[in-house]
Amino acid sequence: LSIYPNPALDKINISFDFKVEKDIEIMVYNSLGNPVVNSKVLKEINVSHLPSGLYFVELKQGNVRYVGKFIKP
């Protein structure tokens, strides 16, 4: 799982090397573990509304989880 640009101001792009199925869920969590974005869009997520900080992106597909992180300056 790759997240760029990092740090990110307005949007993050997600790239991955695994097969994506229809039931994928994408969640962005703040550093406290609170969910701040829930998305079904796989390639680009708007993060312009988020305050500065460290964030974690979780892609969940069935019982498999992929986690990455990014910084919002």
C-alpha atoms as a PDB file:
ATOM      1  CA  LEU A   1       0.000   0.000   0.000  1.00  0.00           C
ATOM      2  CA  SER A   2       1.429   3.377  -1.020  1.00  0.00           C
ATOM      3  CA  ILE A   3      -0.022   6.779  -0.124  1.00  0.00           C
ATOM      4  CA  TYR A   4       1.178   9.944  -1.847  1.00  0.00           C
ATOM      5  CA  PRO A   5       1.883  12.802  -1.749  1.00  0.00           C
ATOM      6  CA  ASN A   6       3.108  12.632   1.789  1.00  0.00           C
ATOM      7  CA  PRO A   7       2.750  15.150   3.386  1.00  0.00           C
ATOM      8  CA  ALA A   8      -0.618  15.893   1.733  1.00  0.00           C
ATOM      9  CA  LEU A   9      -2.554  19.169   1.670  1.00  0.00           C
ATOM     10  CA  ASP A  10      -5.704  18.574  -0.402  1.00  0.00           C
ATOM     11  CA  LYS A  11      -5.862  14.949  -1.502  1.00  0.00           C
ATOM     12  CA  ILE A  12      -4.113  11.631  -1.140  1.00  0.00           C
ATOM     13  CA  ASN A  13      -3.625   9.070  -3.868  1.00  0.00           C
ATOM     14  CA  ILE A  14      -3.537   5.370  -3.074  1.00  0.00           C
ATOM     15  CA  SER A  15      -1.706   2.713  -5.050  1.00  0.00           C
ATOM     16  CA  PHE A  16      -1.469  -0.981  -4.248  1.00  0.00           C
ATOM     17  CA  ASP A  17      -0.160  -4.273  -5.620  1.00  0.00           C
ATOM     18  CA  PHE A  18      -3.093  -6.518  -4.754  1.00  0.00           C
ATOM     19  CA  LYS A  19      -6.354  -7.479  -6.394  1.00  0.00           C
ATOM     20  CA  VAL A  20      -9.252  -5.297  -5.278  1.00  0.00           C
ATOM     21  CA  GLU A  21     -12.680  -6.814  -4.895  1.00  0.00           C
ATOM     22  CA  LYS A  22     -16.015  -5.010  -4.776  1.00  0.00           C
ATOM     23  CA  ASP A  23     -16.441  -5.152  -0.999  1.00  0.00           C
ATOM     24  CA  ILE A  24     -13.436  -2.988  -0.122  1.00  0.00           C
ATOM     25  CA  GLU A  25     -13.769  -0.348   2.601  1.00  0.00           C
ATOM     26  CA  ILE A  26     -11.392   2.590   3.009  1.00  0.00           C
ATOM     27  CA  MET A  27     -11.192   4.402   6.323  1.00  0.00           C
ATOM     28  CA  VAL A  28      -8.983   7.300   7.410  1.00  0.00           C
ATOM     29  CA  TYR A  29      -8.291   7.586  11.140  1.00  0.00           C
ATOM     30  CA  ASN A  30      -6.714  10.422  13.092  1.00  0.00           C
ATOM     31  CA  SER A  31      -3.838   9.795  15.497  1.00  0.00           C
ATOM     32  CA  LEU A  32      -6.317   9.077  18.303  1.00  0.00           C
ATOM     33  CA  GLY A  33      -7.894   6.255  16.289  1.00  0.00           C
ATOM     34  CA  ASN A  34     -11.116   8.117  15.504  1.00  0.00           C
ATOM     35  CA  PRO A  35     -12.517   7.615  11.990  1.00  0.00           C
ATOM     36  CA  VAL A  36     -12.549  10.872   9.994  1.00  0.00           C
ATOM     37  CA  VAL A  37     -13.187   9.690   6.400  1.00  0.00           C
ATOM     38  CA  ASN A  38     -15.071   6.690   5.006  1.00  0.00           C
ATOM     39  CA  SER A  39     -14.688   6.178   1.271  1.00  0.00           C
ATOM     40  CA  LYS A  40     -15.352   3.676  -1.495  1.00  0.00           C
ATOM     41  CA  VAL A  41     -13.161   5.627  -3.951  1.00  0.00           C
ATOM     42  CA  LEU A  42      -9.956   3.681  -4.462  1.00  0.00           C
ATOM     43  CA  LYS A  43      -7.526   6.079  -6.095  1.00  0.00           C
ATOM     44  CA  GLU A  44      -8.022   9.570  -4.627  1.00  0.00           C
ATOM     45  CA  ILE A  45      -9.396  10.814  -1.303  1.00  0.00           C
ATOM     46  CA  ASN A  46     -10.085  14.453  -0.418  1.00  0.00           C
ATOM     47  CA  VAL A  47      -8.339  15.391   2.854  1.00  0.00           C
ATOM     48  CA  SER A  48      -8.521  19.195   2.524  1.00  0.00           C
ATOM     49  CA  HIS A  49     -11.060  19.448   5.376  1.00  0.00           C
ATOM     50  CA  LEU A  50      -8.843  17.623   7.896  1.00  0.00           C
ATOM     51  CA  PRO A  51      -6.769  19.535  10.461  1.00  0.00           C
ATOM     52  CA  SER A  52      -2.988  19.154  10.564  1.00  0.00           C
ATOM     53  CA  GLY A  53      -1.738  15.884  12.024  1.00  0.00           C
ATOM     54  CA  LEU A  54      -0.832  12.245  11.481  1.00  0.00           C
ATOM     55  CA  TYR A  55      -3.434  10.004   9.815  1.00  0.00           C
ATOM     56  CA  PHE A  56      -3.752   6.299   9.122  1.00  0.00           C
ATOM     57  CA  VAL A  57      -5.442   4.846   6.049  1.00  0.00           C
ATOM     58  CA  GLU A  58      -6.966   1.386   6.321  1.00  0.00           C
ATOM     59  CA  LEU A  59      -8.110  -0.640   3.328  1.00  0.00           C
ATOM     60  CA  LYS A  60     -10.245  -3.524   4.499  1.00  0.00           C
ATOM     61  CA  GLN A  61     -11.166  -6.380   2.188  1.00  0.00           C
ATOM     62  CA  GLY A  62     -12.958  -9.222   3.948  1.00  0.00           C
ATOM     63  CA  ASN A  63     -10.685 -10.321   6.803  1.00  0.00           C
ATOM     64  CA  VAL A  64      -7.554  -8.715   5.282  1.00  0.00           C
ATOM     65  CA  ARG A  65      -6.379  -5.233   6.285  1.00  0.00           C
ATOM     66  CA  TYR A  66      -3.802  -2.977   4.658  1.00  0.00           C
ATOM     67  CA  VAL A  67      -2.624   0.085   6.615  1.00  0.00           C
ATOM     68  CA  GLY A  68      -0.621   3.137   5.591  1.00  0.00           C
ATOM     69  CA  LYS A  69      -0.070   6.594   7.037  1.00  0.00           C
ATOM     70  CA  PHE A  70       0.314  10.188   5.910  1.00  0.00           C
ATOM     71  CA  ILE A  71       0.887  13.604   7.411  1.00  0.00           C
ATOM     72  CA  LYS A  72      -1.290  16.645   6.869  1.00  0.00           C
ATOM     73  CA  PRO A  73       0.876  19.757   7.517  1.00  0.00           C
END
